[in-house]
Every structure is written in structure tokens, then in C-alpha cells.
Amino acid sequence: MRIQLILSLIYFIVAALFLGINSQYARGVFEINLVFTKVDVAIFPLIIGISFIWMLIIMLIDYMSINSLKKQIYKLKAQVHDTEKSEMLKLLKEINEKFDGHATTVYQQLHEIEEILKGKRNSNLE
């Protein structure tokens, strides 16, 4: 947006120079018919005013497009976050299932070892 502002200022300066060089046309007065009245305006402020209005229109259009792109970026970031969260939950669930399976196996093996050790103790006591 800064570049557009700089280019607009350069355009204003160039337009002012050309109107200054051609001063016979710059001093010309034109009658502009508004809806309710008529106004006599010199060509210099008329050209600068129209250029300024077009610059504002272009800047507003750019601002709206930038704003919509920011909203789209925000939505995409939220979507990526949700996707990452769901993937992390899925991986955590898989890890817990595998851990539970291994934990059950380890628990069973420990229980068997405990039974074997109890059996050896009982046989040593007899």
C-alpha cells in the first residue's frame, strides 16, 4: 500500500508539472453540472481531485482484498491447527492401545514369574 501511495504522489507531482508548464490550460475554468447546482472549477484542481478519488477507490479495493486474504489465512491456520490436533489425538490413541497391549503382556509375564517364584519358595520350605 505504501508503494501505491508513493506512485500516486509521483503522479500528482507530474500532473502538477505538466499543468504548470501548460498554464494556459491550467487556468481554464470549466462549468461542472452537479445534481442541484452548477460549479465553475479550474482544470488543475479538477484533475488532481479526480486522481485523488481514483487513488482512494483503488486503495479501498486493495484494502478489502488484503482483508479477505487475512481472513482466509486465519481460517486456514485454524483448519491446520484442528487437523494437527486430530492427528495428534489419533496417534496418542494408537500409542495408548499399543502400550495397553504391551502392559497387559508384561503384567501377565510378571504374574507368571511371581507364581513360579512362589512355587519355588513353597518347594524350598518343604
C-alpha atoms as a PDB file:
ATOM      1  CA  MET A   1       0.000   0.000   0.000  1.00  0.00           C
ATOM      2  CA  ARG A   2       2.954   2.332   0.577  1.00  0.00           C
ATOM      3  CA  ILE A   3       4.101   1.796  -2.983  1.00  0.00           C
ATOM      4  CA  GLN A   4       0.703   2.853  -4.296  1.00  0.00           C
ATOM      5  CA  LEU A   5       0.795   5.965  -2.144  1.00  0.00           C
ATOM      6  CA  ILE A   6       4.264   6.861  -3.419  1.00  0.00           C
ATOM      7  CA  LEU A   7       3.191   6.241  -7.028  1.00  0.00           C
ATOM      8  CA  SER A   8       0.104   8.401  -6.506  1.00  0.00           C
ATOM      9  CA  LEU A   9       2.222  11.223  -5.124  1.00  0.00           C
ATOM     10  CA  ILE A  10       4.579  10.951  -8.090  1.00  0.00           C
ATOM     11  CA  TYR A  11       1.553  11.088 -10.395  1.00  0.00           C
ATOM     12  CA  PHE A  12       0.296  14.223  -8.627  1.00  0.00           C
ATOM     13  CA  ILE A  13       3.682  15.899  -8.959  1.00  0.00           C
ATOM     14  CA  VAL A  14       3.969  15.017 -12.665  1.00  0.00           C
ATOM     15  CA  ALA A  15       0.405  16.184 -13.323  1.00  0.00           C
ATOM     16  CA  ALA A  16       1.092  19.447 -11.480  1.00  0.00           C
ATOM     17  CA  LEU A  17       4.273  19.995 -13.520  1.00  0.00           C
ATOM     18  CA  PHE A  18       2.513  19.399 -16.828  1.00  0.00           C
ATOM     19  CA  LEU A  19      -0.360  21.655 -15.820  1.00  0.00           C
ATOM     20  CA  GLY A  20       2.123  24.299 -14.694  1.00  0.00           C
ATOM     21  CA  ILE A  21       4.002  24.072 -17.999  1.00  0.00           C
ATOM     22  CA  ASN A  22       0.755  24.362 -19.911  1.00  0.00           C
ATOM     23  CA  SER A  23      -0.521  27.206 -17.769  1.00  0.00           C
ATOM     24  CA  GLN A  24      -2.944  28.454 -20.384  1.00  0.00           C
ATOM     25  CA  TYR A  25      -4.940  25.251 -19.892  1.00  0.00           C
ATOM     26  CA  ALA A  26      -4.396  25.105 -16.134  1.00  0.00           C
ATOM     27  CA  ARG A  27      -6.156  28.427 -15.681  1.00  0.00           C
ATOM     28  CA  GLY A  28      -9.101  27.374 -17.776  1.00  0.00           C
ATOM     29  CA  VAL A  29     -12.392  27.264 -15.928  1.00  0.00           C
ATOM     30  CA  PHE A  30     -14.947  24.576 -16.596  1.00  0.00           C
ATOM     31  CA  GLU A  31     -18.557  24.533 -15.610  1.00  0.00           C
ATOM     32  CA  ILE A  32     -19.460  21.303 -13.831  1.00  0.00           C
ATOM     33  CA  ASN A  33     -23.109  20.406 -13.586  1.00  0.00           C
ATOM     34  CA  LEU A  34     -23.865  18.831 -10.233  1.00  0.00           C
ATOM     35  CA  VAL A  35     -27.308  17.447  -9.481  1.00  0.00           C
ATOM     36  CA  PHE A  36     -28.668  20.550  -7.771  1.00  0.00           C
ATOM     37  CA  THR A  37     -26.247  23.269  -8.854  1.00  0.00           C
ATOM     38  CA  LYS A  38     -23.527  24.240 -11.299  1.00  0.00           C
ATOM     39  CA  VAL A  39     -19.954  24.960 -10.231  1.00  0.00           C
ATOM     40  CA  ASP A  40     -17.091  26.667 -12.071  1.00  0.00           C
ATOM     41  CA  VAL A  41     -13.826  24.794 -11.386  1.00  0.00           C
ATOM     42  CA  ALA A  42     -10.306  25.276 -12.726  1.00  0.00           C
ATOM     43  CA  ILE A  43      -8.874  22.257 -14.526  1.00  0.00           C
ATOM     44  CA  PHE A  44      -5.883  21.867 -12.160  1.00  0.00           C
ATOM     45  CA  PRO A  45      -7.885  21.106  -9.008  1.00  0.00           C
ATOM     46  CA  LEU A  46     -10.335  19.097 -11.097  1.00  0.00           C
ATOM     47  CA  ILE A  47      -7.632  16.738 -12.415  1.00  0.00           C
ATOM     48  CA  ILE A  48      -5.944  16.461  -9.012  1.00  0.00           C
ATOM     49  CA  GLY A  49      -9.314  15.845  -7.297  1.00  0.00           C
ATOM     50  CA  ILE A  50     -10.368  13.141  -9.758  1.00  0.00           C
ATOM     51  CA  SER A  51      -6.957  11.480  -9.464  1.00  0.00           C
ATOM     52  CA  PHE A  52      -7.200  11.569  -5.679  1.00  0.00           C
ATOM     53  CA  ILE A  53     -10.679   9.998  -5.760  1.00  0.00           C
ATOM     54  CA  TRP A  54      -9.438   7.199  -8.048  1.00  0.00           C
ATOM     55  CA  MET A  55      -6.466   6.642  -5.761  1.00  0.00           C
ATOM     56  CA  LEU A  56      -8.823   6.281  -2.788  1.00  0.00           C
ATOM     57  CA  ILE A  57     -11.033   3.834  -4.700  1.00  0.00           C
ATOM     58  CA  ILE A  58      -8.029   1.691  -5.666  1.00  0.00           C
ATOM     59  CA  MET A  59      -6.694   1.746  -2.095  1.00  0.00           C
ATOM     60  CA  LEU A  60     -10.102   0.708  -0.722  1.00  0.00           C
ATOM     61  CA  ILE A  61     -10.308  -2.185  -3.180  1.00  0.00           C
ATOM     62  CA  ASP A  62      -6.789  -3.298  -2.208  1.00  0.00           C
ATOM     63  CA  TYR A  63      -7.639  -2.968   1.480  1.00  0.00           C
ATOM     64  CA  MET A  64     -10.727  -5.147   1.026  1.00  0.00           C
ATOM     65  CA  SER A  65      -8.759  -7.809  -0.860  1.00  0.00           C
ATOM     66  CA  ILE A  66      -5.990  -7.776   1.758  1.00  0.00           C
ATOM     67  CA  ASN A  67      -8.593  -8.047   4.499  1.00  0.00           C
ATOM     68  CA  SER A  68     -10.285 -11.021   2.819  1.00  0.00           C
ATOM     69  CA  LEU A  69      -6.896 -12.713   2.363  1.00  0.00           C
ATOM     70  CA  LYS A  70      -6.118 -12.198   6.060  1.00  0.00           C
ATOM     71  CA  LYS A  71      -9.445 -13.798   6.974  1.00  0.00           C
ATOM     72  CA  GLN A  72      -8.703 -16.716   4.659  1.00  0.00           C
ATOM     73  CA  ILE A  73      -5.242 -17.146   6.231  1.00  0.00           C
ATOM     74  CA  TYR A  74      -6.833 -17.130   9.702  1.00  0.00           C
ATOM     75  CA  LYS A  75      -9.335 -19.820   8.645  1.00  0.00           C
ATOM     76  CA  LEU A  76      -6.587 -21.951   7.082  1.00  0.00           C
ATOM     77  CA  LYS A  77      -4.442 -21.663  10.215  1.00  0.00           C
ATOM     78  CA  ALA A  78      -7.409 -22.753  12.314  1.00  0.00           C
ATOM     79  CA  GLN A  79      -8.030 -25.672   9.944  1.00  0.00           C
ATOM     80  CA  VAL A  80      -4.357 -26.725  10.133  1.00  0.00           C
ATOM     81  CA  HIS A  81      -4.495 -26.491  13.923  1.00  0.00           C
ATOM     82  CA  ASP A  82      -7.632 -28.643  14.037  1.00  0.00           C
ATOM     83  CA  THR A  83      -6.075 -31.173  11.660  1.00  0.00           C
ATOM     84  CA  GLU A  84      -2.879 -31.311  13.715  1.00  0.00           C
ATOM     85  CA  LYS A  85      -4.904 -31.725  16.896  1.00  0.00           C
ATOM     86  CA  SER A  86      -6.962 -34.584  15.445  1.00  0.00           C
ATOM     87  CA  GLU A  87      -3.814 -36.276  14.115  1.00  0.00           C
ATOM     88  CA  MET A  88      -2.125 -35.943  17.500  1.00  0.00           C
ATOM     89  CA  LEU A  89      -5.153 -37.417  19.260  1.00  0.00           C
ATOM     90  CA  LYS A  90      -5.206 -40.282  16.762  1.00  0.00           C
ATOM     91  CA  LEU A  91      -1.508 -41.003  17.350  1.00  0.00           C
ATOM     92  CA  LEU A  92      -1.964 -40.761  21.107  1.00  0.00           C
ATOM     93  CA  LYS A  93      -4.828 -43.251  20.919  1.00  0.00           C
ATOM     94  CA  GLU A  94      -2.681 -45.679  18.895  1.00  0.00           C
ATOM     95  CA  ILE A  95       0.202 -45.312  21.350  1.00  0.00           C
ATOM     96  CA  ASN A  96      -2.110 -45.927  24.307  1.00  0.00           C
ATOM     97  CA  GLU A  97      -3.581 -49.024  22.620  1.00  0.00           C
ATOM     98  CA  LYS A  98      -0.097 -50.418  21.945  1.00  0.00           C
ATOM     99  CA  PHE A  99       1.043 -49.525  25.449  1.00  0.00           C
ATOM    100  CA  ASP A 100      -2.028 -51.146  26.980  1.00  0.00           C
ATOM    101  CA  GLY A 101      -1.390 -54.285  24.920  1.00  0.00           C
ATOM    102  CA  HIS A 102       2.244 -54.419  25.976  1.00  0.00           C
ATOM    103  CA  ALA A 103       1.402 -53.528  29.563  1.00  0.00           C
ATOM    104  CA  THR A 104      -1.094 -56.386  29.713  1.00  0.00           C
ATOM    105  CA  THR A 105       1.518 -58.776  28.317  1.00  0.00           C
ATOM    106  CA  VAL A 106       4.159 -57.554  30.777  1.00  0.00           C
ATOM    107  CA  TYR A 107       1.686 -57.799  33.662  1.00  0.00           C
ATOM    108  CA  GLN A 108       0.835 -61.372  32.688  1.00  0.00           C
ATOM    109  CA  GLN A 109       4.522 -62.291  32.450  1.00  0.00           C
ATOM    110  CA  LEU A 110       5.228 -60.709  35.839  1.00  0.00           C
ATOM    111  CA  HIS A 111       2.314 -62.603  37.299  1.00  0.00           C
ATOM    112  CA  GLU A 112       3.668 -65.889  35.853  1.00  0.00           C
ATOM    113  CA  ILE A 113       7.139 -65.110  37.245  1.00  0.00           C
ATOM    114  CA  GLU A 114       5.596 -64.351  40.600  1.00  0.00           C
ATOM    115  CA  GLU A 115       3.754 -67.691  40.525  1.00  0.00           C
ATOM    116  CA  ILE A 116       6.986 -69.511  39.624  1.00  0.00           C
ATOM    117  CA  LEU A 117       8.829 -67.751  42.463  1.00  0.00           C
ATOM    118  CA  LYS A 118       6.032 -68.639  44.902  1.00  0.00           C
ATOM    119  CA  GLY A 119       6.226 -72.224  43.744  1.00  0.00           C
ATOM    120  CA  LYS A 120       9.999 -72.310  44.333  1.00  0.00           C
ATOM    121  CA  ARG A 121       9.619 -70.798  47.789  1.00  0.00           C
ATOM    122  CA  ASN A 122       6.994 -73.313  48.682  1.00  0.00           C
ATOM    123  CA  SER A 123       9.182 -76.172  47.477  1.00  0.00           C
ATOM    124  CA  ASN A 124      12.190 -74.830  49.454  1.00  0.00           C
ATOM    125  CA  LEU A 125      10.137 -74.575  52.618  1.00  0.00           C
ATOM    126  CA  GLU A 126       9.059 -78.198  52.417  1.00  0.00           C
END
